[in-house]
Amino acid sequence: MIRRKNHFMLWLSLSTILISFIVHLLQRGFHLIDHPMIMGGHAAHVVPSSLVLNILLVLPAILWVIGLFLFRNNPGHQGLPMLQSVTLTFASFSMISGGGGTVEFHFSIFMVIAIIAYYEQVKLVTAMTVLFAVQHLIGYFVWPELVFGVESYPFLMLAAHAVFLILTSAATTMQIISKRRITQALEAEKESKQQEVLTLLKHVEQLTDELAATSSVVSHKSSQSIEANQATLTSYREVSDGLEHQCNSIVTVGTNLQEIAKMVRRATTATSAMVGESTTASAMIGQSSGNTQTLVEQTQLAAATVQHASEAMLSLYQSTLRVEEIIVTIQEVASQTNLLALNAAIEAARAGEAGRGFSVVASQIRKLAEQSGQAAEEIRGILGAIRTESEQSAKQIKHGSDLSTQSASLAESSLQSFGHISSAFEQINAHIEKLHQFMQQIDGQTNDIAGEMTSISSVTEEIVASIQNLSDVSEGQLKTSAEVNEEIAGLAQLSQTIRGRFTQEQ
């Protein structure tokens, strides 16, 4: 600060010296400001010695050059303020003497006081006041021509000069002292505010560190959430693709079941015709033997076994696994139908011309049974994934098939032993009745399966749509999480920027 003041005061001192030179030039060279002063009735304008005036003119310049030299070597030199004050004071002396000692140039004293007050040092104002007082005393008692431009100067005027000089110096001194006190108070307040600001900065820095740490943790959690959402989205897409494929498979199964239902209805119609013809033929059948009764009992046992297998398949009726069990039943019935049709064809052949109608019907039933078996085999291929759970039911059906085979063997033995065509018609009638019942059951079960598959397909489509919605929501959540992660990263970067700025402020 003192360096800047010294630099500025050098320019002010130089300006004052230049004004002094101008005053000397105008007065001594051109006499433009020369006029007499009437002091107490005496014309008192006296020109001092040129040598003295030249000394007063050059002395401030010499002092200014010394000050410039000191400033160049050390801008903050402690003696520069006093030297500048003396330079300004002697420049004022030069203006007063060079201007002929007129009252107007005595006002330069107050200009110098105002300039020196810039340093805010009481000792400088006091020193300048003392110098001006000494000048006026010398002028009054020793050399009035030099100071006042006259041979004699009234004491009242001297006293007025002294009073106003002292008052001005005193006022300036009090202003300097008051300003110091105010400045000290402001400095103390500033120091207190700085301490508060430092405390606040430390607190903000701590909060910034906590914010950075929290942002780091949240960013890590957000990254984990993004990874989890990405994995969830991938899982949803895989599940959606799988369910869509399963839905297509279910639609295919439903289509095949509809075809089977059509075949079963045709087989039921054929068995109904066989029942009618068998009833007509049974009117001519007599009583049967013990082997035929045994065959009927074993056939009933086989039917009970097959019924048990059907009940086992009904326990899985609420899931798609029931379909394969029912298909197994359909295949077994088709096999039985084929065997029965074969037996019927054999017996019809034995009956000769009278059994030709039964032979044609049995052939049609065999074809329908073979077609039903082929369609059921195709469905079993589609439902191969669930075949394991229906093994137990398949074994039970196999057991019923074995019993049915044994029954057929016994029936053939009985028929051969009897050698009577009536027993063959009786056996055919019993099997046709049972076959007709099976066909009716299969028809109902096929319709139920078709309805169940339709329901499963609808539910699966709803699940696919729901999972697709979940996939869309997860994708949106993933984008939102990514945006949140970017915002958290920006927040962490902002906290680091704030911390860096606070560190620079400290």
Foldseek 3Di string as FASTA:
>chain_A
DLLVLLVVLLVVLVVLLVVLVVLLCCCVPVVVLDDFDQAPNDGFADQDDPVVLVCLSCVLVVLSVVLVVVCVVPSNDPCSLLSSLVSQLSSLLSNCQSNLNDPVSLCSLLVSLVSSLVVLDLVSLVVSLVVVLVVLVCLAPPNVCRNRSGPHHDVVVSVVSNVVSVVSSVVSNVVSVVVVVVVVVVVVVVVVVVVVVLVVLVVLLVVLVVLLVVLVVVLVVLVVVLVVLVVLLVVLVVVLVVLVVVLVLLVVLLVLLVVLLVLLVVLLVLLVVVLVVLVVLLVPFDDADPLLVVLVVLLVVLVVLLVVLLVVLVVVLLDPLSVLSLLLSLLLLLVLLLVLLVLLLVLLVLVPPVSPVSNVSSVVSNVSSVVSNVSSVVSCVSVVVSVVVSVVSSVSNVVSSVSNVVSSVSLVVRCVVVVDSSSSSVVSSVSSVVSSVSSVVSSVVSVSSSVSSVVVSVVSVVVSVVSVVVSVVSVVVSVVSVVVSVVSVVSSVVSVVSSVVSVVVD
